[in-house]
Amino acid sequence: MLLSQSVDGSLPWDGSRLTEKTKMPRSTTKTIEFPEDSETFKMLNGRLEYLGDELGCLKEHSESVWSRLEEIERQLADIDGSIDRVESTLAKKMLPVLDRIAVALELIASGMRQKEVDDS
């Protein structure tokens, strides 16, 4: 197994982004070789497998969360549509009724005022 590690601790890179204008030194890397039957190789291989499993779990969880968020978004759109339909129905059916009630109340009030004038 070959491992590359930057001497300064940063991730290794090939220096392809380095230009003369930046005048940055190339990253120095060293290669460490481990025989495949060594304990270090087995330990590192085990850690990599564990990290792979953890990344797989994170991916599954994030996909699950994303699916749930999409489902919630659809439900909210349905609720919004329902609210729009209720508002439309109220506007069509309730406003005329409220207008008639207002007219009736005005007639009642004007009749009471007329009665007061007649009584005086």
PDB file of N, CA and C in Angstrom:
ATOM      1  N   MET A   1       0.853  -1.179   0.000  1.00  0.00           N
ATOM      2  CA  MET A   1       0.000   0.000   0.000  1.00  0.00           C
ATOM      3  C   MET A   1       0.890   1.230   0.000  1.00  0.00           C
ATOM      4  N   LEU A   2       0.544   2.202  -0.802  1.00  0.00           N
ATOM      5  CA  LEU A   2       1.292   3.444  -0.867  1.00  0.00           C
ATOM      6  C   LEU A   2       0.465   4.556  -0.260  1.00  0.00           C
ATOM      7  N   LEU A   3       1.075   5.330   0.614  1.00  0.00           N
ATOM      8  CA  LEU A   3       0.407   6.489   1.206  1.00  0.00           C
ATOM      9  C   LEU A   3       1.221   7.723   0.868  1.00  0.00           C
ATOM     10  N   SER A   4       0.567   8.753   0.429  1.00  0.00           N
ATOM     11  CA  SER A   4       1.245  10.021   0.174  1.00  0.00           C
ATOM     12  C   SER A   4       0.778  11.017   1.211  1.00  0.00           C
ATOM     13  N   GLN A   5       1.730  11.685   1.801  1.00  0.00           N
ATOM     14  CA  GLN A   5       1.384  12.683   2.805  1.00  0.00           C
ATOM     15  C   GLN A   5       2.276  13.887   2.582  1.00  0.00           C
ATOM     16  N   SER A   6       1.682  15.042   2.609  1.00  0.00           N
ATOM     17  CA  SER A   6       2.443  16.260   2.444  1.00  0.00           C
ATOM     18  C   SER A   6       3.267  16.496   3.696  1.00  0.00           C
ATOM     19  N   VAL A   7       4.482  16.989   3.516  1.00  0.00           N
ATOM     20  CA  VAL A   7       5.353  17.249   4.657  1.00  0.00           C
ATOM     21  C   VAL A   7       4.735  18.283   5.581  1.00  0.00           C
ATOM     22  N   ASP A   8       4.046  19.284   5.021  1.00  0.00           N
ATOM     23  CA  ASP A   8       3.437  20.315   5.854  1.00  0.00           C
ATOM     24  C   ASP A   8       2.078  19.895   6.406  1.00  0.00           C
ATOM     25  N   GLY A   9       1.629  18.668   6.151  1.00  0.00           N
ATOM     26  CA  GLY A   9       0.376  18.168   6.703  1.00  0.00           C
ATOM     27  C   GLY A   9      -0.830  18.420   5.833  1.00  0.00           C
ATOM     28  N   SER A  10      -0.669  19.167   4.745  1.00  0.00           N
ATOM     29  CA  SER A  10      -1.819  19.443   3.889  1.00  0.00           C
ATOM     30  C   SER A  10      -2.044  18.272   2.942  1.00  0.00           C
ATOM     31  N   LEU A  11      -3.163  18.317   2.248  1.00  0.00           N
ATOM     32  CA  LEU A  11      -3.458  17.261   1.288  1.00  0.00           C
ATOM     33  C   LEU A  11      -2.470  17.319   0.129  1.00  0.00           C
ATOM     34  N   PRO A  12      -2.078  16.168  -0.385  1.00  0.00           N
ATOM     35  CA  PRO A  12      -1.140  16.175  -1.506  1.00  0.00           C
ATOM     36  C   PRO A  12      -1.807  16.690  -2.777  1.00  0.00           C
ATOM     37  N   TRP A  13      -1.048  17.323  -3.604  1.00  0.00           N
ATOM     38  CA  TRP A  13      -1.536  17.778  -4.889  1.00  0.00           C
ATOM     39  C   TRP A  13      -0.367  17.749  -5.851  1.00  0.00           C
ATOM     40  N   ASP A  14      -0.656  17.754  -7.112  1.00  0.00           N
ATOM     41  CA  ASP A  14       0.397  17.573  -8.111  1.00  0.00           C
ATOM     42  C   ASP A  14       1.043  18.883  -8.548  1.00  0.00           C
ATOM     43  N   GLY A  15       0.581  19.992  -8.036  1.00  0.00           N
ATOM     44  CA  GLY A  15       1.173  21.273  -8.388  1.00  0.00           C
ATOM     45  C   GLY A  15       0.724  21.803  -9.733  1.00  0.00           C
ATOM     46  N   SER A  16      -0.285  21.171 -10.339  1.00  0.00           N
ATOM     47  CA  SER A  16      -0.719  21.586 -11.673  1.00  0.00           C
ATOM     48  C   SER A  16      -1.307  22.990 -11.669  1.00  0.00           C
ATOM     49  N   ARG A  17      -1.778  23.448 -10.518  1.00  0.00           N
ATOM     50  CA  ARG A  17      -2.355  24.794 -10.454  1.00  0.00           C
ATOM     51  C   ARG A  17      -1.293  25.853 -10.168  1.00  0.00           C
ATOM     52  N   LEU A  18      -0.068  25.429  -9.969  1.00  0.00           N
ATOM     53  CA  LEU A  18       1.009  26.348  -9.651  1.00  0.00           C
ATOM     54  C   LEU A  18       1.435  27.103 -10.909  1.00  0.00           C
ATOM     55  N   THR A  19       1.521  28.398 -10.820  1.00  0.00           N
ATOM     56  CA  THR A  19       1.974  29.203 -11.956  1.00  0.00           C
ATOM     57  C   THR A  19       3.183  30.005 -11.530  1.00  0.00           C
ATOM     58  N   GLU A  20       3.852  30.564 -12.497  1.00  0.00           N
ATOM     59  CA  GLU A  20       5.010  31.400 -12.197  1.00  0.00           C
ATOM     60  C   GLU A  20       4.595  32.645 -11.414  1.00  0.00           C
ATOM     61  N   LYS A  21       3.370  33.111 -11.653  1.00  0.00           N
ATOM     62  CA  LYS A  21       2.911  34.330 -10.992  1.00  0.00           C
ATOM     63  C   LYS A  21       2.748  34.134  -9.490  1.00  0.00           C
ATOM     64  N   THR A  22       2.348  32.928  -9.080  1.00  0.00           N
ATOM     65  CA  THR A  22       2.115  32.712  -7.652  1.00  0.00           C
ATOM     66  C   THR A  22       3.412  32.528  -6.887  1.00  0.00           C
ATOM     67  N   LYS A  23       4.441  32.020  -7.556  1.00  0.00           N
ATOM     68  CA  LYS A  23       5.751  31.796  -6.949  1.00  0.00           C
ATOM     69  C   LYS A  23       5.646  31.008  -5.649  1.00  0.00           C
ATOM     70  N   MET A  24       4.732  30.041  -5.639  1.00  0.00           N
ATOM     71  CA  MET A  24       4.595  29.182  -4.467  1.00  0.00           C
ATOM     72  C   MET A  24       5.428  27.929  -4.690  1.00  0.00           C
ATOM     73  N   PRO A  25       6.074  27.428  -3.653  1.00  0.00           N
ATOM     74  CA  PRO A  25       6.866  26.205  -3.826  1.00  0.00           C
ATOM     75  C   PRO A  25       5.951  25.011  -4.040  1.00  0.00           C
ATOM     76  N   ARG A  26       6.457  24.028  -4.754  1.00  0.00           N
ATOM     77  CA  ARG A  26       5.695  22.801  -4.951  1.00  0.00           C
ATOM     78  C   ARG A  26       5.564  22.082  -3.615  1.00  0.00           C
ATOM     79  N   SER A  27       4.426  21.415  -3.445  1.00  0.00           N
ATOM     80  CA  SER A  27       4.199  20.642  -2.232  1.00  0.00           C
ATOM     81  C   SER A  27       5.134  19.438  -2.250  1.00  0.00           C
ATOM     82  N   THR A  28       5.817  19.216  -1.152  1.00  0.00           N
ATOM     83  CA  THR A  28       6.729  18.088  -1.051  1.00  0.00           C
ATOM     84  C   THR A  28       5.990  16.939  -0.398  1.00  0.00           C
ATOM     85  N   THR A  29       5.987  15.801  -1.059  1.00  0.00           N
ATOM     86  CA  THR A  29       5.314  14.633  -0.495  1.00  0.00           C
ATOM     87  C   THR A  29       6.313  13.518  -0.296  1.00  0.00           C
ATOM     88  N   LYS A  30       5.989  12.655   0.640  1.00  0.00           N
ATOM     89  CA  LYS A  30       6.816  11.469   0.832  1.00  0.00           C
ATOM     90  C   LYS A  30       5.908  10.255   0.727  1.00  0.00           C
ATOM     91  N   THR A  31       6.431   9.187   0.248  1.00  0.00           N
ATOM     92  CA  THR A  31       5.668   7.962   0.067  1.00  0.00           C
ATOM     93  C   THR A  31       6.125   6.942   1.091  1.00  0.00           C
ATOM     94  N   ILE A  32       5.151   6.347   1.762  1.00  0.00           N
ATOM     95  CA  ILE A  32       5.436   5.321   2.764  1.00  0.00           C
ATOM     96  C   ILE A  32       4.856   4.018   2.246  1.00  0.00           C
ATOM     97  N   GLU A  33       5.646   2.972   2.255  1.00  0.00           N
ATOM     98  CA  GLU A  33       5.168   1.674   1.789  1.00  0.00           C
ATOM     99  C   GLU A  33       4.991   0.735   2.971  1.00  0.00           C
ATOM    100  N   PHE A  34       3.850   0.031   2.989  1.00  0.00           N
ATOM    101  CA  PHE A  34       3.577  -0.980   4.006  1.00  0.00           C
ATOM    102  C   PHE A  34       3.310  -2.304   3.306  1.00  0.00           C
ATOM    103  N   PRO A  35       3.920  -3.372   3.766  1.00  0.00           N
ATOM    104  CA  PRO A  35       3.560  -4.678   3.213  1.00  0.00           C
ATOM    105  C   PRO A  35       2.107  -4.990   3.561  1.00  0.00           C
ATOM    106  N   GLU A  36       1.410  -5.675   2.646  1.00  0.00           N
ATOM    107  CA  GLU A  36      -0.015  -5.933   2.841  1.00  0.00           C
ATOM    108  C   GLU A  36      -0.315  -6.812   4.042  1.00  0.00           C
ATOM    109  N   ASP A  37       0.653  -7.554   4.534  1.00  0.00           N
ATOM    110  CA  ASP A  37       0.402  -8.414   5.693  1.00  0.00           C
ATOM    111  C   ASP A  37       0.804  -7.757   7.010  1.00  0.00           C
ATOM    112  N   SER A  38       1.248  -6.495   6.973  1.00  0.00           N
ATOM    113  CA  SER A  38       1.673  -5.823   8.202  1.00  0.00           C
ATOM    114  C   SER A  38       0.469  -5.363   9.019  1.00  0.00           C
ATOM    115  N   GLU A  39       0.689  -5.216  10.308  1.00  0.00           N
ATOM    116  CA  GLU A  39      -0.371  -4.760  11.214  1.00  0.00           C
ATOM    117  C   GLU A  39      -0.812  -3.338  10.863  1.00  0.00           C
ATOM    118  N   THR A  40       0.134  -2.498  10.480  1.00  0.00           N
ATOM    119  CA  THR A  40      -0.198  -1.115  10.126  1.00  0.00           C
ATOM    120  C   THR A  40      -1.116  -1.086   8.914  1.00  0.00           C
ATOM    121  N   PHE A  41      -0.801  -1.902   7.907  1.00  0.00           N
ATOM    122  CA  PHE A  41      -1.647  -1.977   6.718  1.00  0.00           C
ATOM    123  C   PHE A  41      -3.045  -2.441   7.097  1.00  0.00           C
ATOM    124  N   LYS A  42      -3.123  -3.485   7.913  1.00  0.00           N
ATOM    125  CA  LYS A  42      -4.427  -4.012   8.326  1.00  0.00           C
ATOM    126  C   LYS A  42      -5.215  -2.965   9.106  1.00  0.00           C
ATOM    127  N   MET A  43      -4.510  -2.244   9.998  1.00  0.00           N
ATOM    128  CA  MET A  43      -5.178  -1.212  10.794  1.00  0.00           C
ATOM    129  C   MET A  43      -5.700  -0.092   9.884  1.00  0.00           C
ATOM    130  N   LEU A  44      -4.840   0.376   8.984  1.00  0.00           N
ATOM    131  CA  LEU A  44      -5.254   1.453   8.083  1.00  0.00           C
ATOM    132  C   LEU A  44      -6.371   0.995   7.159  1.00  0.00           C
ATOM    133  N   ASN A  45      -6.277  -0.231   6.678  1.00  0.00           N
ATOM    134  CA  ASN A  45      -7.316  -0.776   5.821  1.00  0.00           C
ATOM    135  C   ASN A  45      -8.638  -0.869   6.587  1.00  0.00           C
ATOM    136  N   GLY A  46      -8.573  -1.303   7.844  1.00  0.00           N
ATOM    137  CA  GLY A  46      -9.776  -1.364   8.681  1.00  0.00           C
ATOM    138  C   GLY A  46     -10.383   0.007   8.899  1.00  0.00           C
ATOM    139  N   ARG A  47      -9.528   0.985   9.138  1.00  0.00           N
ATOM    140  CA  ARG A  47     -10.031   2.356   9.326  1.00  0.00           C
ATOM    141  C   ARG A  47     -10.689   2.881   8.054  1.00  0.00           C
ATOM    142  N   LEU A  48     -10.069   2.593   6.909  1.00  0.00           N
ATOM    143  CA  LEU A  48     -10.657   3.036   5.642  1.00  0.00           C
ATOM    144  C   LEU A  48     -12.007   2.371   5.404  1.00  0.00           C
ATOM    145  N   GLU A  49     -12.113   1.084   5.718  1.00  0.00           N
ATOM    146  CA  GLU A  49     -13.398   0.395   5.567  1.00  0.00           C
ATOM    147  C   GLU A  49     -14.442   1.003   6.499  1.00  0.00           C
ATOM    148  N   TYR A  50     -14.037   1.304   7.743  1.00  0.00           N
ATOM    149  CA  TYR A  50     -14.950   1.922   8.704  1.00  0.00           C
ATOM    150  C   TYR A  50     -15.418   3.282   8.186  1.00  0.00           C
ATOM    151  N   LEU A  51     -14.463   4.086   7.702  1.00  0.00           N
ATOM    152  CA  LEU A  51     -14.830   5.407   7.169  1.00  0.00           C
ATOM    153  C   LEU A  51     -15.753   5.270   5.964  1.00  0.00           C
ATOM    154  N   GLY A  52     -15.494   4.279   5.127  1.00  0.00           N
ATOM    155  CA  GLY A  52     -16.375   4.035   3.985  1.00  0.00           C
ATOM    156  C   GLY A  52     -17.777   3.675   4.432  1.00  0.00           C
ATOM    157  N   ASP A  53     -17.868   2.822   5.466  1.00  0.00           N
ATOM    158  CA  ASP A  53     -19.183   2.457   6.002  1.00  0.00           C
ATOM    159  C   ASP A  53     -19.895   3.678   6.570  1.00  0.00           C
ATOM    160  N   GLU A  54     -19.159   4.502   7.310  1.00  0.00           N
ATOM    161  CA  GLU A  54     -19.752   5.706   7.899  1.00  0.00           C
ATOM    162  C   GLU A  54     -20.225   6.669   6.810  1.00  0.00           C
ATOM    163  N   LEU A  55     -19.418   6.823   5.766  1.00  0.00           N
ATOM    164  CA  LEU A  55     -19.833   7.691   4.655  1.00  0.00           C
ATOM    165  C   LEU A  55     -21.074   7.141   3.967  1.00  0.00           C
ATOM    166  N   GLY A  56     -21.144   5.827   3.835  1.00  0.00           N
ATOM    167  CA  GLY A  56     -22.338   5.213   3.251  1.00  0.00           C
ATOM    168  C   GLY A  56     -23.567   5.487   4.088  1.00  0.00           C
ATOM    169  N   CYS A  57     -23.412   5.375   5.424  1.00  0.00           N
ATOM    170  CA  CYS A  57     -24.539   5.667   6.323  1.00  0.00           C
ATOM    171  C   CYS A  57     -24.952   7.131   6.214  1.00  0.00           C
ATOM    172  N   LEU A  58     -23.963   8.020   6.171  1.00  0.00           N
ATOM    173  CA  LEU A  58     -24.269   9.450   6.032  1.00  0.00           C
ATOM    174  C   LEU A  58     -24.988   9.727   4.719  1.00  0.00           C
ATOM    175  N   LYS A  59     -24.544   9.072   3.650  1.00  0.00           N
ATOM    176  CA  LYS A  59     -25.189   9.264   2.353  1.00  0.00           C
ATOM    177  C   LYS A  59     -26.635   8.786   2.406  1.00  0.00           C
ATOM    178  N   GLU A  60     -26.859   7.598   2.978  1.00  0.00           N
ATOM    179  CA  GLU A  60     -28.224   7.077   3.084  1.00  0.00           C
ATOM    180  C   GLU A  60     -29.096   8.005   3.917  1.00  0.00           C
ATOM    181  N   HIS A  61     -28.538   8.494   5.042  1.00  0.00           N
ATOM    182  CA  HIS A  61     -29.310   9.381   5.918  1.00  0.00           C
ATOM    183  C   HIS A  61     -29.632  10.691   5.200  1.00  0.00           C
ATOM    184  N   SER A  62     -28.643  11.254   4.507  1.00  0.00           N
ATOM    185  CA  SER A  62     -28.897  12.526   3.820  1.00  0.00           C
ATOM    186  C   SER A  62     -29.915  12.336   2.697  1.00  0.00           C
ATOM    187  N   GLU A  63     -29.865  11.188   2.012  1.00  0.00           N
ATOM    188  CA  GLU A  63     -30.870  10.917   0.979  1.00  0.00           C
ATOM    189  C   GLU A  63     -32.250  10.779   1.599  1.00  0.00           C
ATOM    190  N   SER A  64     -32.311  10.144   2.775  1.00  0.00           N
ATOM    191  CA  SER A  64     -33.586   9.982   3.474  1.00  0.00           C
ATOM    192  C   SER A  64     -34.136  11.342   3.904  1.00  0.00           C
ATOM    193  N   VAL A  65     -33.254  12.169   4.450  1.00  0.00           N
ATOM    194  CA  VAL A  65     -33.669  13.511   4.878  1.00  0.00           C
ATOM    195  C   VAL A  65     -34.127  14.319   3.666  1.00  0.00           C
ATOM    196  N   TRP A  66     -33.390  14.226   2.570  1.00  0.00           N
ATOM    197  CA  TRP A  66     -33.758  14.966   1.359  1.00  0.00           C
ATOM    198  C   TRP A  66     -35.118  14.514   0.845  1.00  0.00           C
ATOM    199  N   SER A  67     -35.347  13.198   0.839  1.00  0.00           N
ATOM    200  CA  SER A  67     -36.647  12.673   0.393  1.00  0.00           C
ATOM    201  C   SER A  67     -37.764  13.194   1.284  1.00  0.00           C
ATOM    202  N   ARG A  68     -37.521  13.214   2.583  1.00  0.00           N
ATOM    203  CA  ARG A  68     -38.535  13.704   3.528  1.00  0.00           C
ATOM    204  C   ARG A  68     -38.812  15.189   3.291  1.00  0.00           C
ATOM    205  N   LEU A  69     -37.760  15.965   3.044  1.00  0.00           N
ATOM    206  CA  LEU A  69     -37.948  17.391   2.766  1.00  0.00           C
ATOM    207  C   LEU A  69     -38.757  17.603   1.488  1.00  0.00           C
ATOM    208  N   GLU A  70     -38.493  16.793   0.470  1.00  0.00           N
ATOM    209  CA  GLU A  70     -39.278  16.901  -0.762  1.00  0.00           C
ATOM    210  C   GLU A  70     -40.738  16.541  -0.508  1.00  0.00           C
ATOM    211  N   GLU A  71     -40.962  15.527   0.332  1.00  0.00           N
ATOM    212  CA  GLU A  71     -42.335  15.136   0.674  1.00  0.00           C
ATOM    213  C   GLU A  71     -43.041  16.259   1.429  1.00  0.00           C
ATOM    214  N   ILE A  72     -42.338  16.878   2.366  1.00  0.00           N
ATOM    215  CA  ILE A  72     -42.908  17.999   3.125  1.00  0.00           C
ATOM    216  C   ILE A  72     -43.219  19.160   2.183  1.00  0.00           C
ATOM    217  N   GLU A  73     -42.336  19.403   1.228  1.00  0.00           N
ATOM    218  CA  GLU A  73     -42.570  20.479   0.261  1.00  0.00           C
ATOM    219  C   GLU A  73     -43.848  20.215  -0.536  1.00  0.00           C
ATOM    220  N   ARG A  74     -44.045  18.965  -0.968  1.00  0.00           N
ATOM    221  CA  ARG A  74     -45.274  18.619  -1.706  1.00  0.00           C
ATOM    222  C   ARG A  74     -46.503  18.805  -0.818  1.00  0.00           C
ATOM    223  N   GLN A  75     -46.399  18.392   0.453  1.00  0.00           N
ATOM    224  CA  GLN A  75     -47.531  18.545   1.370  1.00  0.00           C
ATOM    225  C   GLN A  75     -47.857  20.018   1.583  1.00  0.00           C
ATOM    226  N   LEU A  76     -46.832  20.846   1.728  1.00  0.00           N
ATOM    227  CA  LEU A  76     -47.062  22.282   1.903  1.00  0.00           C
ATOM    228  C   LEU A  76     -47.712  22.888   0.664  1.00  0.00           C
ATOM    229  N   ALA A  77     -47.307  22.425  -0.509  1.00  0.00           N
ATOM    230  CA  ALA A  77     -47.938  22.913  -1.744  1.00  0.00           C
ATOM    231  C   ALA A  77     -49.407  22.508  -1.776  1.00  0.00           C
ATOM    232  N   ASP A  78     -49.713  21.280  -1.332  1.00  0.00           N
ATOM    233  CA  ASP A  78     -51.112  20.836  -1.270  1.00  0.00           C
ATOM    234  C   ASP A  78     -51.910  21.693  -0.293  1.00  0.00           C
ATOM    235  N   ILE A  79     -51.314  21.975   0.864  1.00  0.00           N
ATOM    236  CA  ILE A  79     -51.992  22.804   1.869  1.00  0.00           C
ATOM    237  C   ILE A  79     -52.217  24.206   1.321  1.00  0.00           C
ATOM    238  N   ASP A  80     -51.203  24.745   0.651  1.00  0.00           N
ATOM    239  CA  ASP A  80     -51.330  26.080   0.063  1.00  0.00           C
ATOM    240  C   ASP A  80     -52.457  26.108  -0.963  1.00  0.00           C
ATOM    241  N   GLY A  81     -52.551  25.061  -1.773  1.00  0.00           N
ATOM    242  CA  GLY A  81     -53.640  24.970  -2.747  1.00  0.00           C
ATOM    243  C   GLY A  81     -54.992  24.891  -2.065  1.00  0.00           C
ATOM    244  N   SER A  82     -55.053  24.141  -0.956  1.00  0.00           N
ATOM    245  CA  SER A  82     -56.311  24.038  -0.203  1.00  0.00           C
ATOM    246  C   SER A  82     -56.710  25.387   0.376  1.00  0.00           C
ATOM    247  N   ILE A  83     -55.753  26.109   0.903  1.00  0.00           N
ATOM    248  CA  ILE A  83     -56.034  27.439   1.461  1.00  0.00           C
ATOM    249  C   ILE A  83     -56.547  28.366   0.362  1.00  0.00           C
ATOM    250  N   ASP A  84     -55.921  28.305  -0.801  1.00  0.00           N
ATOM    251  CA  ASP A  84     -56.381  29.133  -1.929  1.00  0.00           C
ATOM    252  C   ASP A  84     -57.822  28.801  -2.304  1.00  0.00           C
ATOM    253  N   ARG A  85     -58.153  27.499  -2.322  1.00  0.00           N
ATOM    254  CA  ARG A  85     -59.526  27.100  -2.667  1.00  0.00           C
ATOM    255  C   ARG A  85     -60.511  27.583  -1.609  1.00  0.00           C
ATOM    256  N   VAL A  86     -60.150  27.500  -0.333  1.00  0.00           N
ATOM    257  CA  VAL A  86     -61.037  27.966   0.743  1.00  0.00           C
ATOM    258  C   VAL A  86     -61.245  29.470   0.626  1.00  0.00           C
ATOM    259  N   GLU A  87     -60.159  30.213   0.401  1.00  0.00           N
ATOM    260  CA  GLU A  87     -60.285  31.663   0.247  1.00  0.00           C
ATOM    261  C   GLU A  87     -61.178  32.013  -0.937  1.00  0.00           C
ATOM    262  N   SER A  88     -61.016  31.306  -2.026  1.00  0.00           N
ATOM    263  CA  SER A  88     -61.832  31.556  -3.215  1.00  0.00           C
ATOM    264  C   SER A  88     -63.304  31.271  -2.932  1.00  0.00           C
ATOM    265  N   THR A  89     -63.563  30.152  -2.257  1.00  0.00           N
ATOM    266  CA  THR A  89     -64.945  29.795  -1.920  1.00  0.00           C
ATOM    267  C   THR A  89     -65.558  30.833  -0.994  1.00  0.00           C
ATOM    268  N   LEU A  90     -64.801  31.258   0.005  1.00  0.00           N
ATOM    269  CA  LEU A  90     -65.309  32.279   0.926  1.00  0.00           C
ATOM    270  C   LEU A  90     -65.606  33.573   0.187  1.00  0.00           C
ATOM    271  N   ALA A  91     -64.714  33.945  -0.711  1.00  0.00           N
ATOM    272  CA  ALA A  91     -64.930  35.186  -1.457  1.00  0.00           C
ATOM    273  C   ALA A  91     -66.178  35.090  -2.325  1.00  0.00           C
ATOM    274  N   LYS A  92     -66.400  33.945  -2.940  1.00  0.00           N
ATOM    275  CA  LYS A  92     -67.549  33.789  -3.839  1.00  0.00           C
ATOM    276  C   LYS A  92     -68.863  33.659  -3.081  1.00  0.00           C
ATOM    277  N   LYS A  93     -68.857  32.947  -1.967  1.00  0.00           N
ATOM    278  CA  LYS A  93     -70.118  32.636  -1.290  1.00  0.00           C
ATOM    279  C   LYS A  93     -70.399  33.515  -0.083  1.00  0.00           C
ATOM    280  N   MET A  94     -69.383  33.891   0.655  1.00  0.00           N
ATOM    281  CA  MET A  94     -69.614  34.627   1.895  1.00  0.00           C
ATOM    282  C   MET A  94     -69.753  36.130   1.673  1.00  0.00           C
ATOM    283  N   LEU A  95     -69.000  36.689   0.754  1.00  0.00           N
ATOM    284  CA  LEU A  95     -69.089  38.134   0.547  1.00  0.00           C
ATOM    285  C   LEU A  95     -70.481  38.579   0.121  1.00  0.00           C
ATOM    286  N   PRO A  96     -71.153  37.886  -0.799  1.00  0.00           N
ATOM    287  CA  PRO A  96     -72.524  38.300  -1.125  1.00  0.00           C
ATOM    288  C   PRO A  96     -73.459  38.200   0.084  1.00  0.00           C
ATOM    289  N   VAL A  97     -73.281  37.170   0.894  1.00  0.00           N
ATOM    290  CA  VAL A  97     -74.119  37.018   2.095  1.00  0.00           C
ATOM    291  C   VAL A  97     -73.852  38.164   3.057  1.00  0.00           C
ATOM    292  N   LEU A  98     -72.588  38.487   3.246  1.00  0.00           N
ATOM    293  CA  LEU A  98     -72.245  39.595   4.139  1.00  0.00           C
ATOM    294  C   LEU A  98     -72.780  40.919   3.600  1.00  0.00           C
ATOM    295  N   ASP A  99     -72.752  41.106   2.290  1.00  0.00           N
ATOM    296  CA  ASP A  99     -73.329  42.320   1.693  1.00  0.00           C
ATOM    297  C   ASP A  99     -74.828  42.406   1.980  1.00  0.00           C
ATOM    298  N   ARG A 100     -75.531  41.275   1.832  1.00  0.00           N
ATOM    299  CA  ARG A 100     -76.978  41.273   2.112  1.00  0.00           C
ATOM    300  C   ARG A 100     -77.251  41.562   3.590  1.00  0.00           C
ATOM    301  N   ILE A 101     -76.438  41.017   4.465  1.00  0.00           N
ATOM    302  CA  ILE A 101     -76.607  41.281   5.902  1.00  0.00           C
ATOM    303  C   ILE A 101     -76.383  42.761   6.182  1.00  0.00           C
ATOM    304  N   ALA A 102     -75.367  43.347   5.560  1.00  0.00           N
ATOM    305  CA  ALA A 102     -75.085  44.770   5.768  1.00  0.00           C
ATOM    306  C   ALA A 102     -76.242  45.630   5.285  1.00  0.00           C
ATOM    307  N   VAL A 103     -76.804  45.298   4.130  1.00  0.00           N
ATOM    308  CA  VAL A 103     -77.956  46.048   3.604  1.00  0.00           C
ATOM    309  C   VAL A 103     -79.136  45.915   4.552  1.00  0.00           C
ATOM    310  N   ALA A 104     -79.395  44.710   5.053  1.00  0.00           N
ATOM    311  CA  ALA A 104     -80.514  44.488   5.976  1.00  0.00           C
ATOM    312  C   ALA A 104     -80.320  45.284   7.251  1.00  0.00           C
ATOM    313  N   LEU A 105     -79.110  45.307   7.766  1.00  0.00           N
ATOM    314  CA  LEU A 105     -78.842  46.078   8.985  1.00  0.00           C
ATOM    315  C   LEU A 105     -79.036  47.569   8.742  1.00  0.00           C
ATOM    316  N   GLU A 106     -78.626  48.042   7.581  1.00  0.00           N
ATOM    317  CA  GLU A 106     -78.841  49.454   7.248  1.00  0.00           C
ATOM    318  C   GLU A 106     -80.335  49.773   7.166  1.00  0.00           C
ATOM    319  N   LEU A 107     -81.129  48.880   6.574  1.00  0.00           N
ATOM    320  CA  LEU A 107     -82.581  49.089   6.496  1.00  0.00           C
ATOM    321  C   LEU A 107     -83.206  49.097   7.885  1.00  0.00           C
ATOM    322  N   ILE A 108     -82.765  48.166   8.719  1.00  0.00           N
ATOM    323  CA  ILE A 108     -83.290  48.119  10.093  1.00  0.00           C
ATOM    324  C   ILE A 108     -82.945  49.403  10.821  1.00  0.00           C
ATOM    325  N   ALA A 109     -81.694  49.844  10.670  1.00  0.00           N
ATOM    326  CA  ALA A 109     -81.268  51.066  11.350  1.00  0.00           C
ATOM    327  C   ALA A 109     -82.037  52.274  10.827  1.00  0.00           C
ATOM    328  N   SER A 110     -82.247  52.360   9.524  1.00  0.00           N
ATOM    329  CA  SER A 110     -82.988  53.508   8.980  1.00  0.00           C
ATOM    330  C   SER A 110     -84.450  53.448   9.403  1.00  0.00           C
ATOM    331  N   GLY A 111     -85.025  52.245   9.505  1.00  0.00           N
ATOM    332  CA  GLY A 111     -86.402  52.094   9.979  1.00  0.00           C
ATOM    333  C   GLY A 111     -86.533  52.532  11.418  1.00  0.00           C
ATOM    334  N   MET A 112     -85.547  52.225  12.251  1.00  0.00           N
ATOM    335  CA  MET A 112     -85.588  52.642  13.655  1.00  0.00           C
ATOM    336  C   MET A 112     -85.480  54.152  13.757  1.00  0.00           C
ATOM    337  N   ARG A 113     -84.627  54.731  12.907  1.00  0.00           N
ATOM    338  CA  ARG A 113     -84.499  56.190  12.935  1.00  0.00           C
ATOM    339  C   ARG A 113     -85.809  56.841  12.487  1.00  0.00           C
ATOM    340  N   GLN A 114     -86.451  56.275  11.478  1.00  0.00           N
ATOM    341  CA  GLN A 114     -87.729  56.816  10.990  1.00  0.00           C
ATOM    342  C   GLN A 114     -88.795  56.710  12.075  1.00  0.00           C
ATOM    343  N   LYS A 115     -88.796  55.587  12.825  1.00  0.00           N
ATOM    344  CA  LYS A 115     -89.780  55.398  13.882  1.00  0.00           C
ATOM    345  C   LYS A 115     -89.564  56.429  14.984  1.00  0.00           C
ATOM    346  N   GLU A 116     -88.285  56.708  15.288  1.00  0.00           N
ATOM    347  CA  GLU A 116     -87.989  57.703  16.311  1.00  0.00           C
ATOM    348  C   GLU A 116     -88.494  59.079  15.868  1.00  0.00           C
ATOM    349  N   VAL A 117     -88.350  59.389  14.580  1.00  0.00           N
ATOM    350  CA  VAL A 117     -88.822  60.674  14.054  1.00  0.00           C
ATOM    351  C   VAL A 117     -90.346  60.724  14.132  1.00  0.00           C
ATOM    352  N   ASP A 118     -91.000  59.637  13.792  1.00  0.00           N
ATOM    353  CA  ASP A 118     -92.465  59.595  13.821  1.00  0.00           C
ATOM    354  C   ASP A 118     -92.991  59.711  15.256  1.00  0.00           C
ATOM    355  N   ASP A 119     -92.293  59.101  16.192  1.00  0.00           N
ATOM    356  CA  ASP A 119     -92.736  59.117  17.585  1.00  0.00           C
ATOM    357  C   ASP A 119     -92.548  60.493  18.225  1.00  0.00           C
ATOM    358  N   SER A 120     -91.654  61.290  17.704  1.00  0.00           N
ATOM    359  CA  SER A 120     -91.438  62.572  18.336  1.00  0.00           C
ATOM    360  C   SER A 120     -92.368  63.583  17.853  1.00  0.00           C
TER     361      SER A 120
END
